[in-house]
Amino acid sequence: MERNSSAPAIFDRGLLRRRLARATTRGAPDFLMARAADDLADRLAGIKRPFPRSLDLCTPSAHFAEIVAASGRPPPLRAGRFYEPGVDLVVEEEALPFAAEAFDLIVSGFALQWVDDLPGALAQARRMLAPDGLFLACFPGGASLIELRAAFAQAEDEICGGASPRVSPFVDLRDLGGLLQRAGFALPVTDVDSFTLRYDSMFALCAELRAMGAANVLTQRSRKPLRRAVLLRAAEIYANRFSDADGRVRATMELVWLSGWAPHESQQKPLEPGSAQMRLADALKPRESGGAS
């Protein structure tokens, strides 16, 4: 399948692959991935389906694949953005080579935040699922790194007279349910795991993002070296606006979860209009109290 050429190129995909590959080689910090993997384990534990054919879609580590295997199901096929130990196939996640109804389960961790055409990627995932197959994905959402974005924007505006994008945009949770429905998923569910990370300084946060391969890969990023004055001013703003009493700074993180099923006749259906057994007006009437007067 070809990539949707009409979708704007938001991310520099070549740069993203190089940075993720370098981060993997050097041992990227994996605490966020481990947290998401624990959540995935809980979600799969509550589903009594064998899922004999599964796909791990571009998760940049083996965490999700290991969770699927640990749940007693067959290990998934691992599709990645680049070759690393354990990856079975290198793919372009917006032009996947798999046949329709090829999988019973698709999982994806920390991958879909970097696709240019998220609706198209979800539609492909839906197409690849067999009837009653399950899609589960997790990636950073909406408010993630909002402090870092604010500090850089204010610093560049003050010093340069305008801001250039320094942090990737994240999809808002409120939009994701509609995207799942638009892609054709049944029983779509979205939820969010929100928490706060703390660092000694903004510089420590930025160093960790680079180590994860998660630094700026926007195609519209400025190609000029970041001015030292902007960097120092951003760190000052960050410390003034987003620090705790002990001097450490906060960084908001949201992990959004998407789940949806390929439609199947056995699934729960919404009631047809007019099929309710009680009128709403009757249900809202106060009940008469019983007992002796």
C-alpha atoms as a PDB file:
ATOM      1  CA  MET A   1       0.000   0.000   0.000  1.00  0.00           C
ATOM      2  CA  GLU A   2       1.300   3.474  -0.851  1.00  0.00           C
ATOM      3  CA  ARG A   3       1.551   6.281   1.639  1.00  0.00           C
ATOM      4  CA  ASN A   4      -1.125   8.972   1.360  1.00  0.00           C
ATOM      5  CA  SER A   5       0.789  11.579  -0.639  1.00  0.00           C
ATOM      6  CA  SER A   6      -1.818  14.252   0.110  1.00  0.00           C
ATOM      7  CA  ALA A   7      -0.993  14.229   3.840  1.00  0.00           C
ATOM      8  CA  PRO A   8       1.468  16.993   4.773  1.00  0.00           C
ATOM      9  CA  ALA A   9       4.943  15.813   5.776  1.00  0.00           C
ATOM     10  CA  ILE A  10       5.006  16.830   9.439  1.00  0.00           C
ATOM     11  CA  PHE A  11       7.948  14.689  10.519  1.00  0.00           C
ATOM     12  CA  ASP A  12      11.384  14.102   8.992  1.00  0.00           C
ATOM     13  CA  ARG A  13      11.124  10.327   8.791  1.00  0.00           C
ATOM     14  CA  GLY A  14      14.757   9.704   7.848  1.00  0.00           C
ATOM     15  CA  LEU A  15      15.996  11.759  10.798  1.00  0.00           C
ATOM     16  CA  LEU A  16      13.532  10.001  13.101  1.00  0.00           C
ATOM     17  CA  ARG A  17      14.787   6.551  12.087  1.00  0.00           C
ATOM     18  CA  ARG A  18      18.429   7.533  12.532  1.00  0.00           C
ATOM     19  CA  ARG A  19      17.805   8.979  15.987  1.00  0.00           C
ATOM     20  CA  LEU A  20      15.722   6.039  17.178  1.00  0.00           C
ATOM     21  CA  ALA A  21      18.306   3.570  15.869  1.00  0.00           C
ATOM     22  CA  ARG A  22      21.098   5.448  17.648  1.00  0.00           C
ATOM     23  CA  ALA A  23      19.076   5.607  20.861  1.00  0.00           C
ATOM     24  CA  THR A  24      18.407   1.866  20.710  1.00  0.00           C
ATOM     25  CA  THR A  25      22.094   1.097  20.130  1.00  0.00           C
ATOM     26  CA  ARG A  26      23.110   3.237  23.099  1.00  0.00           C
ATOM     27  CA  GLY A  27      20.455   1.854  25.440  1.00  0.00           C
ATOM     28  CA  ALA A  28      17.665   4.437  25.538  1.00  0.00           C
ATOM     29  CA  PRO A  29      15.909   5.080  28.874  1.00  0.00           C
ATOM     30  CA  ASP A  30      12.894   2.779  28.896  1.00  0.00           C
ATOM     31  CA  PHE A  31      10.907   3.752  32.006  1.00  0.00           C
ATOM     32  CA  LEU A  32       8.018   5.172  29.960  1.00  0.00           C
ATOM     33  CA  MET A  33       7.901   2.080  27.783  1.00  0.00           C
ATOM     34  CA  ALA A  34       8.001  -0.155  30.846  1.00  0.00           C
ATOM     35  CA  ARG A  35       5.081   1.744  32.381  1.00  0.00           C
ATOM     36  CA  ALA A  36       3.059   1.368  29.185  1.00  0.00           C
ATOM     37  CA  ALA A  37       3.967  -2.322  28.943  1.00  0.00           C
ATOM     38  CA  ASP A  38       2.663  -2.947  32.468  1.00  0.00           C
ATOM     39  CA  ASP A  39      -0.594  -1.273  31.462  1.00  0.00           C
ATOM     40  CA  LEU A  40      -0.787  -3.402  28.314  1.00  0.00           C
ATOM     41  CA  ALA A  41      -0.365  -6.531  30.445  1.00  0.00           C
ATOM     42  CA  ASP A  42      -3.324  -5.506  32.605  1.00  0.00           C
ATOM     43  CA  ARG A  43      -5.471  -4.831  29.552  1.00  0.00           C
ATOM     44  CA  LEU A  44      -4.683  -8.167  27.895  1.00  0.00           C
ATOM     45  CA  ALA A  45      -5.217 -10.040  31.163  1.00  0.00           C
ATOM     46  CA  GLY A  46      -8.855  -8.984  31.141  1.00  0.00           C
ATOM     47  CA  ILE A  47      -9.508 -10.339  27.632  1.00  0.00           C
ATOM     48  CA  LYS A  48     -10.096 -14.075  27.241  1.00  0.00           C
ATOM     49  CA  ARG A  49      -9.211 -14.435  23.565  1.00  0.00           C
ATOM     50  CA  PRO A  50      -6.342 -16.491  22.112  1.00  0.00           C
ATOM     51  CA  PHE A  51      -5.312 -13.969  19.389  1.00  0.00           C
ATOM     52  CA  PRO A  52      -3.253 -16.546  17.438  1.00  0.00           C
ATOM     53  CA  ARG A  53      -2.004 -14.003  14.866  1.00  0.00           C
ATOM     54  CA  SER A  54      -0.674 -10.753  16.305  1.00  0.00           C
ATOM     55  CA  LEU A  55       1.422  -7.796  15.154  1.00  0.00           C
ATOM     56  CA  ASP A  56       3.581  -5.391  17.127  1.00  0.00           C
ATOM     57  CA  LEU A  57       3.415  -2.247  15.010  1.00  0.00           C
ATOM     58  CA  CYS A  58       6.629  -0.188  15.187  1.00  0.00           C
ATOM     59  CA  THR A  59       7.046  -0.231  18.969  1.00  0.00           C
ATOM     60  CA  PRO A  60      10.690   0.933  19.326  1.00  0.00           C
ATOM     61  CA  SER A  61      11.631  -1.878  21.743  1.00  0.00           C
ATOM     62  CA  ALA A  62      10.635  -5.450  22.554  1.00  0.00           C
ATOM     63  CA  HIS A  63       8.502  -4.455  25.587  1.00  0.00           C
ATOM     64  CA  PHE A  64       5.073  -4.869  23.961  1.00  0.00           C
ATOM     65  CA  ALA A  65       6.003  -8.063  22.102  1.00  0.00           C
ATOM     66  CA  GLU A  66       7.256  -9.609  25.338  1.00  0.00           C
ATOM     67  CA  ILE A  67       4.003  -8.728  27.114  1.00  0.00           C
ATOM     68  CA  VAL A  68       1.909 -10.402  24.404  1.00  0.00           C
ATOM     69  CA  ALA A  69       4.038 -13.548  24.638  1.00  0.00           C
ATOM     70  CA  ALA A  70       3.948 -13.490  28.452  1.00  0.00           C
ATOM     71  CA  SER A  71       0.141 -13.424  28.322  1.00  0.00           C
ATOM     72  CA  GLY A  72       0.217 -16.989  26.981  1.00  0.00           C
ATOM     73  CA  ARG A  73      -0.431 -16.024  23.372  1.00  0.00           C
ATOM     74  CA  PRO A  74       1.887 -16.676  20.418  1.00  0.00           C
ATOM     75  CA  PRO A  75       4.670 -14.075  20.109  1.00  0.00           C
ATOM     76  CA  PRO A  76       3.689 -11.317  17.683  1.00  0.00           C
ATOM     77  CA  LEU A  77       5.322 -10.490  14.403  1.00  0.00           C
ATOM     78  CA  ARG A  78       7.462  -7.432  15.100  1.00  0.00           C
ATOM     79  CA  ALA A  79       7.341  -4.734  12.408  1.00  0.00           C
ATOM     80  CA  GLY A  80       9.830  -1.926  13.008  1.00  0.00           C
ATOM     81  CA  ARG A  81      11.079   1.286  11.498  1.00  0.00           C
ATOM     82  CA  PHE A  82      14.642  -0.072  11.361  1.00  0.00           C
ATOM     83  CA  TYR A  83      16.427  -3.367  11.852  1.00  0.00           C
ATOM     84  CA  GLU A  84      17.329  -4.327  15.416  1.00  0.00           C
ATOM     85  CA  PRO A  85      17.479  -7.687  17.186  1.00  0.00           C
ATOM     86  CA  GLY A  86      13.998  -9.192  17.276  1.00  0.00           C
ATOM     87  CA  VAL A  87      12.501  -7.119  14.456  1.00  0.00           C
ATOM     88  CA  ASP A  88      11.054  -9.385  11.767  1.00  0.00           C
ATOM     89  CA  LEU A  89      10.259  -6.801   9.108  1.00  0.00           C
ATOM     90  CA  VAL A  90      11.102  -3.141   8.475  1.00  0.00           C
ATOM     91  CA  VAL A  91       8.056  -1.181   7.337  1.00  0.00           C
ATOM     92  CA  GLU A  92       6.804   2.305   6.632  1.00  0.00           C
ATOM     93  CA  GLU A  93       4.002   2.590   9.170  1.00  0.00           C
ATOM     94  CA  GLU A  94       1.879   4.693   6.821  1.00  0.00           C
ATOM     95  CA  ALA A  95       2.222   2.202   3.942  1.00  0.00           C
ATOM     96  CA  LEU A  96       1.978  -1.208   5.555  1.00  0.00           C
ATOM     97  CA  PRO A  97       2.479  -4.309   3.375  1.00  0.00           C
ATOM     98  CA  PHE A  98       0.064  -6.652   5.175  1.00  0.00           C
ATOM     99  CA  ALA A  99      -3.046  -8.235   3.712  1.00  0.00           C
ATOM    100  CA  ALA A 100      -6.572  -7.484   4.887  1.00  0.00           C
ATOM    101  CA  GLU A 101      -7.672  -9.515   7.934  1.00  0.00           C
ATOM    102  CA  ALA A 102      -4.106 -10.774   8.469  1.00  0.00           C
ATOM    103  CA  PHE A 103      -4.095 -10.368  12.276  1.00  0.00           C
ATOM    104  CA  ASP A 104      -6.291 -11.002  15.291  1.00  0.00           C
ATOM    105  CA  LEU A 105      -4.430  -8.525  17.516  1.00  0.00           C
ATOM    106  CA  ILE A 106      -2.393  -5.406  16.747  1.00  0.00           C
ATOM    107  CA  VAL A 107      -0.464  -3.606  19.486  1.00  0.00           C
ATOM    108  CA  SER A 108       1.592  -0.451  19.097  1.00  0.00           C
ATOM    109  CA  GLY A 109       3.557   1.538  21.651  1.00  0.00           C
ATOM    110  CA  PHE A 110       5.153   4.977  21.244  1.00  0.00           C
ATOM    111  CA  ALA A 111       4.907   4.927  17.455  1.00  0.00           C
ATOM    112  CA  LEU A 112       1.748   6.633  16.217  1.00  0.00           C
ATOM    113  CA  GLN A 113       2.732  10.040  17.619  1.00  0.00           C
ATOM    114  CA  TRP A 114       5.167  10.263  14.708  1.00  0.00           C
ATOM    115  CA  VAL A 115       2.862   9.494  11.776  1.00  0.00           C
ATOM    116  CA  ASP A 116       1.867  12.272   9.386  1.00  0.00           C
ATOM    117  CA  ASP A 117      -1.527  10.743   8.599  1.00  0.00           C
ATOM    118  CA  LEU A 118      -2.965   9.305  11.822  1.00  0.00           C
ATOM    119  CA  PRO A 119      -6.469   8.713  10.382  1.00  0.00           C
ATOM    120  CA  GLY A 120      -4.908   6.791   7.520  1.00  0.00           C
ATOM    121  CA  ALA A 121      -2.708   4.733   9.845  1.00  0.00           C
ATOM    122  CA  LEU A 122      -5.744   3.792  11.955  1.00  0.00           C
ATOM    123  CA  ALA A 123      -7.697   2.854   8.841  1.00  0.00           C
ATOM    124  CA  GLN A 124      -4.870   0.539   7.774  1.00  0.00           C
ATOM    125  CA  ALA A 125      -4.812  -1.100  11.209  1.00  0.00           C
ATOM    126  CA  ARG A 126      -8.560  -1.668  10.978  1.00  0.00           C
ATOM    127  CA  ARG A 127      -8.194  -3.203   7.500  1.00  0.00           C
ATOM    128  CA  MET A 128      -5.532  -5.624   8.726  1.00  0.00           C
ATOM    129  CA  LEU A 129      -7.679  -6.967  11.570  1.00  0.00           C
ATOM    130  CA  ALA A 130      -9.821 -10.071  11.169  1.00  0.00           C
ATOM    131  CA  PRO A 131     -13.439  -9.783  12.352  1.00  0.00           C
ATOM    132  CA  ASP A 132     -13.522  -9.431  16.142  1.00  0.00           C
ATOM    133  CA  GLY A 133      -9.811  -8.583  16.157  1.00  0.00           C
ATOM    134  CA  LEU A 134      -8.450  -6.058  18.662  1.00  0.00           C
ATOM    135  CA  PHE A 135      -6.306  -2.949  18.210  1.00  0.00           C
ATOM    136  CA  LEU A 136      -4.429  -1.522  21.238  1.00  0.00           C
ATOM    137  CA  ALA A 137      -2.112   1.470  20.960  1.00  0.00           C
ATOM    138  CA  CYS A 138      -0.393   3.844  23.363  1.00  0.00           C
ATOM    139  CA  PHE A 139       1.504   7.057  22.679  1.00  0.00           C
ATOM    140  CA  PRO A 140       2.108  10.508  24.236  1.00  0.00           C
ATOM    141  CA  GLY A 141      -0.882  12.813  24.031  1.00  0.00           C
ATOM    142  CA  GLY A 142      -2.127  16.356  24.367  1.00  0.00           C
ATOM    143  CA  ALA A 143      -0.551  17.879  27.441  1.00  0.00           C
ATOM    144  CA  SER A 144       2.759  15.997  27.278  1.00  0.00           C
ATOM    145  CA  LEU A 145       5.759  18.318  27.771  1.00  0.00           C
ATOM    146  CA  ILE A 146       3.493  21.369  27.883  1.00  0.00           C
ATOM    147  CA  GLU A 147       5.957  23.115  30.200  1.00  0.00           C
ATOM    148  CA  LEU A 148       8.845  22.660  27.771  1.00  0.00           C
ATOM    149  CA  ARG A 149       6.801  23.990  24.884  1.00  0.00           C
ATOM    150  CA  ALA A 150       5.752  27.046  26.887  1.00  0.00           C
ATOM    151  CA  ALA A 151       9.287  27.851  28.055  1.00  0.00           C
ATOM    152  CA  PHE A 152      10.803  27.660  24.574  1.00  0.00           C
ATOM    153  CA  ALA A 153       7.957  29.622  22.980  1.00  0.00           C
ATOM    154  CA  GLN A 154       8.271  32.471  25.495  1.00  0.00           C
ATOM    155  CA  ALA A 155      12.071  32.568  25.308  1.00  0.00           C
ATOM    156  CA  GLU A 156      12.175  32.694  21.500  1.00  0.00           C
ATOM    157  CA  ASP A 157       9.423  35.280  21.366  1.00  0.00           C
ATOM    158  CA  GLU A 158      11.291  37.517  23.784  1.00  0.00           C
ATOM    159  CA  ILE A 159      14.710  37.196  22.149  1.00  0.00           C
ATOM    160  CA  CYS A 160      13.970  36.481  18.487  1.00  0.00           C
ATOM    161  CA  GLY A 161      10.591  38.143  18.065  1.00  0.00           C
ATOM    162  CA  GLY A 162       8.855  34.873  17.209  1.00  0.00           C
ATOM    163  CA  ALA A 163       8.890  31.170  17.999  1.00  0.00           C
ATOM    164  CA  SER A 164       9.704  28.146  15.861  1.00  0.00           C
ATOM    165  CA  PRO A 165       8.404  24.650  16.709  1.00  0.00           C
ATOM    166  CA  ARG A 166      10.720  22.940  19.196  1.00  0.00           C
ATOM    167  CA  VAL A 167       8.495  20.115  20.506  1.00  0.00           C
ATOM    168  CA  SER A 168       6.370  17.760  18.417  1.00  0.00           C
ATOM    169  CA  PRO A 169       2.594  18.300  18.532  1.00  0.00           C
ATOM    170  CA  PHE A 170       0.546  15.669  20.338  1.00  0.00           C
ATOM    171  CA  VAL A 171      -3.005  14.571  19.570  1.00  0.00           C
ATOM    172  CA  ASP A 172      -5.685  15.555  22.066  1.00  0.00           C
ATOM    173  CA  LEU A 173      -7.539  12.676  23.721  1.00  0.00           C
ATOM    174  CA  ARG A 174     -10.893  14.237  22.800  1.00  0.00           C
ATOM    175  CA  ASP A 175     -10.162  13.770  19.092  1.00  0.00           C
ATOM    176  CA  LEU A 176      -9.110  10.142  19.220  1.00  0.00           C
ATOM    177  CA  GLY A 177     -12.486   8.482  19.777  1.00  0.00           C
ATOM    178  CA  GLY A 178     -13.801  10.120  16.621  1.00  0.00           C
ATOM    179  CA  LEU A 179     -10.729   8.991  14.681  1.00  0.00           C
ATOM    180  CA  LEU A 180     -11.288   5.386  15.768  1.00  0.00           C
ATOM    181  CA  GLN A 181     -14.923   5.530  14.656  1.00  0.00           C
ATOM    182  CA  ARG A 182     -13.932   7.151  11.377  1.00  0.00           C
ATOM    183  CA  ALA A 183     -11.459   4.301  10.777  1.00  0.00           C
ATOM    184  CA  GLY A 184     -14.287   1.772  11.189  1.00  0.00           C
ATOM    185  CA  PHE A 185     -13.543   0.359  14.636  1.00  0.00           C
ATOM    186  CA  ALA A 186     -16.367  -0.974  16.771  1.00  0.00           C
ATOM    187  CA  LEU A 187     -16.573  -0.352  20.525  1.00  0.00           C
ATOM    188  CA  PRO A 188     -13.877   2.368  20.485  1.00  0.00           C
ATOM    189  CA  VAL A 189     -12.409   3.367  23.845  1.00  0.00           C
ATOM    190  CA  THR A 190      -9.854   6.028  24.735  1.00  0.00           C
ATOM    191  CA  ASP A 191      -8.331   6.811  28.099  1.00  0.00           C
ATOM    192  CA  VAL A 192      -5.263   8.555  29.489  1.00  0.00           C
ATOM    193  CA  ASP A 193      -2.567   7.896  32.072  1.00  0.00           C
ATOM    194  CA  SER A 194      -1.432  11.330  33.299  1.00  0.00           C
ATOM    195  CA  PHE A 195       1.547  11.795  35.594  1.00  0.00           C
ATOM    196  CA  THR A 196       4.349  14.225  36.368  1.00  0.00           C
ATOM    197  CA  LEU A 197       8.074  13.621  35.959  1.00  0.00           C
ATOM    198  CA  ARG A 198      10.668  15.681  37.836  1.00  0.00           C
ATOM    199  CA  TYR A 199      14.167  16.702  36.810  1.00  0.00           C
ATOM    200  CA  ASP A 200      17.050  18.689  38.233  1.00  0.00           C
ATOM    201  CA  SER A 201      16.668  21.199  35.386  1.00  0.00           C
ATOM    202  CA  MET A 202      15.285  21.712  31.904  1.00  0.00           C
ATOM    203  CA  PHE A 203      18.686  20.639  30.581  1.00  0.00           C
ATOM    204  CA  ALA A 204      18.331  17.242  32.277  1.00  0.00           C
ATOM    205  CA  LEU A 205      14.909  16.771  30.664  1.00  0.00           C
ATOM    206  CA  CYS A 206      16.227  17.686  27.224  1.00  0.00           C
ATOM    207  CA  ALA A 207      19.173  15.307  27.630  1.00  0.00           C
ATOM    208  CA  GLU A 208      16.795  12.455  28.431  1.00  0.00           C
ATOM    209  CA  LEU A 209      14.609  13.229  25.410  1.00  0.00           C
ATOM    210  CA  ARG A 210      17.693  13.123  23.182  1.00  0.00           C
ATOM    211  CA  ALA A 211      18.741   9.815  24.737  1.00  0.00           C
ATOM    212  CA  MET A 212      15.301   8.407  23.868  1.00  0.00           C
ATOM    213  CA  GLY A 213      15.621   9.589  20.261  1.00  0.00           C
ATOM    214  CA  ALA A 214      12.689  11.921  20.920  1.00  0.00           C
ATOM    215  CA  ALA A 215      14.276  15.270  20.102  1.00  0.00           C
ATOM    216  CA  ASN A 216      12.768  17.586  17.491  1.00  0.00           C
ATOM    217  CA  VAL A 217      12.175  15.854  14.117  1.00  0.00           C
ATOM    218  CA  LEU A 218       9.609  18.277  12.694  1.00  0.00           C
ATOM    219  CA  THR A 219      10.115  19.102   9.033  1.00  0.00           C
ATOM    220  CA  GLN A 220       9.380  22.759   9.847  1.00  0.00           C
ATOM    221  CA  ARG A 221      12.005  22.925  12.595  1.00  0.00           C
ATOM    222  CA  SER A 222      14.511  25.729  12.368  1.00  0.00           C
ATOM    223  CA  ARG A 223      17.783  24.643  10.728  1.00  0.00           C
ATOM    224  CA  LYS A 224      19.676  27.412  12.511  1.00  0.00           C
ATOM    225  CA  PRO A 225      21.593  26.460  15.665  1.00  0.00           C
ATOM    226  CA  LEU A 226      19.639  27.325  18.781  1.00  0.00           C
ATOM    227  CA  ARG A 227      21.028  30.526  20.210  1.00  0.00           C
ATOM    228  CA  ARG A 228      22.635  30.150  23.611  1.00  0.00           C
ATOM    229  CA  ALA A 229      20.669  33.124  24.902  1.00  0.00           C
ATOM    230  CA  VAL A 230      17.385  31.434  23.955  1.00  0.00           C
ATOM    231  CA  LEU A 231      18.378  28.182  25.624  1.00  0.00           C
ATOM    232  CA  LEU A 232      19.424  29.894  28.850  1.00  0.00           C
ATOM    233  CA  ARG A 233      16.310  32.062  28.907  1.00  0.00           C
ATOM    234  CA  ALA A 234      14.077  29.014  28.327  1.00  0.00           C
ATOM    235  CA  ALA A 235      15.735  27.233  31.248  1.00  0.00           C
ATOM    236  CA  GLU A 236      15.204  30.309  33.418  1.00  0.00           C
ATOM    237  CA  ILE A 237      11.516  30.524  32.461  1.00  0.00           C
ATOM    238  CA  TYR A 238      11.088  26.817  33.062  1.00  0.00           C
ATOM    239  CA  ALA A 239      12.634  27.061  36.531  1.00  0.00           C
ATOM    240  CA  ASN A 240      10.579  30.125  37.458  1.00  0.00           C
ATOM    241  CA  ARG A 241       7.233  28.818  36.255  1.00  0.00           C
ATOM    242  CA  PHE A 242       7.401  25.052  36.684  1.00  0.00           C
ATOM    243  CA  SER A 243       9.616  24.216  39.678  1.00  0.00           C
ATOM    244  CA  ASP A 244       8.793  22.758  43.081  1.00  0.00           C
ATOM    245  CA  ALA A 245       9.947  23.977  46.457  1.00  0.00           C
ATOM    246  CA  ASP A 246      13.089  21.814  46.267  1.00  0.00           C
ATOM    247  CA  GLY A 247      14.126  23.465  42.994  1.00  0.00           C
ATOM    248  CA  ARG A 248      13.412  20.488  40.746  1.00  0.00           C
ATOM    249  CA  VAL A 249      11.278  21.140  37.657  1.00  0.00           C
ATOM    250  CA  ARG A 250       8.113  19.343  36.561  1.00  0.00           C
ATOM    251  CA  ALA A 251       7.348  17.756  33.207  1.00  0.00           C
ATOM    252  CA  THR A 252       3.803  16.650  32.439  1.00  0.00           C
ATOM    253  CA  MET A 253       3.355  13.351  30.612  1.00  0.00           C
ATOM    254  CA  GLU A 254       0.150  11.909  29.182  1.00  0.00           C
ATOM    255  CA  LEU A 255       0.024   8.404  27.782  1.00  0.00           C
ATOM    256  CA  VAL A 256      -3.141   8.038  25.737  1.00  0.00           C
ATOM    257  CA  TRP A 257      -4.570   4.603  25.027  1.00  0.00           C
ATOM    258  CA  LEU A 258      -6.719   3.640  22.062  1.00  0.00           C
ATOM    259  CA  SER A 259      -8.625   0.417  21.703  1.00  0.00           C
ATOM    260  CA  GLY A 260     -11.076  -0.736  19.103  1.00  0.00           C
ATOM    261  CA  TRP A 261     -12.418  -3.951  17.635  1.00  0.00           C
ATOM    262  CA  ALA A 262     -12.940  -5.029  14.067  1.00  0.00           C
ATOM    263  CA  PRO A 263     -16.736  -5.353  13.754  1.00  0.00           C
ATOM    264  CA  HIS A 264     -18.282  -8.782  14.267  1.00  0.00           C
ATOM    265  CA  GLU A 265     -21.882  -9.928  14.599  1.00  0.00           C
ATOM    266  CA  SER A 266     -21.257 -11.285  18.108  1.00  0.00           C
ATOM    267  CA  GLN A 267     -20.369  -7.873  19.522  1.00  0.00           C
ATOM    268  CA  GLN A 268     -22.645  -5.812  21.720  1.00  0.00           C
ATOM    269  CA  LYS A 269     -24.834  -3.481  19.681  1.00  0.00           C
ATOM    270  CA  PRO A 270     -26.456  -0.217  20.747  1.00  0.00           C
ATOM    271  CA  LEU A 271     -30.212  -0.364  21.190  1.00  0.00           C
ATOM    272  CA  GLU A 272     -32.310   0.549  18.195  1.00  0.00           C
ATOM    273  CA  PRO A 273     -34.231   3.847  18.535  1.00  0.00           C
ATOM    274  CA  GLY A 274     -37.620   3.180  20.138  1.00  0.00           C
ATOM    275  CA  SER A 275     -36.676  -0.244  21.495  1.00  0.00           C
ATOM    276  CA  ALA A 276     -36.455   0.792  25.172  1.00  0.00           C
ATOM    277  CA  GLN A 277     -38.897  -0.955  27.513  1.00  0.00           C
ATOM    278  CA  MET A 278     -39.486   2.142  29.684  1.00  0.00           C
ATOM    279  CA  ARG A 279     -40.143   5.739  28.741  1.00  0.00           C
ATOM    280  CA  LEU A 280     -37.529   8.237  29.946  1.00  0.00           C
ATOM    281  CA  ALA A 281     -40.253  10.338  31.575  1.00  0.00           C
ATOM    282  CA  ASP A 282     -41.380   7.332  33.627  1.00  0.00           C
ATOM    283  CA  ALA A 283     -37.831   6.523  34.664  1.00  0.00           C
ATOM    284  CA  LEU A 284     -37.334  10.050  35.970  1.00  0.00           C
ATOM    285  CA  LYS A 285     -40.502  10.071  38.118  1.00  0.00           C
ATOM    286  CA  PRO A 286     -39.835   9.910  41.881  1.00  0.00           C
ATOM    287  CA  ARG A 287     -40.649   6.551  43.440  1.00  0.00           C
ATOM    288  CA  GLU A 288     -43.511   6.401  45.966  1.00  0.00           C
ATOM    289  CA  SER A 289     -42.321   5.405  49.406  1.00  0.00           C
ATOM    290  CA  GLY A 290     -43.775   2.186  50.816  1.00  0.00           C
ATOM    291  CA  GLY A 291     -44.491   1.043  54.389  1.00  0.00           C
ATOM    292  CA  ALA A 292     -47.205   1.744  56.950  1.00  0.00           C
ATOM    293  CA  SER A 293     -48.340   5.298  57.474  1.00  0.00           C
END
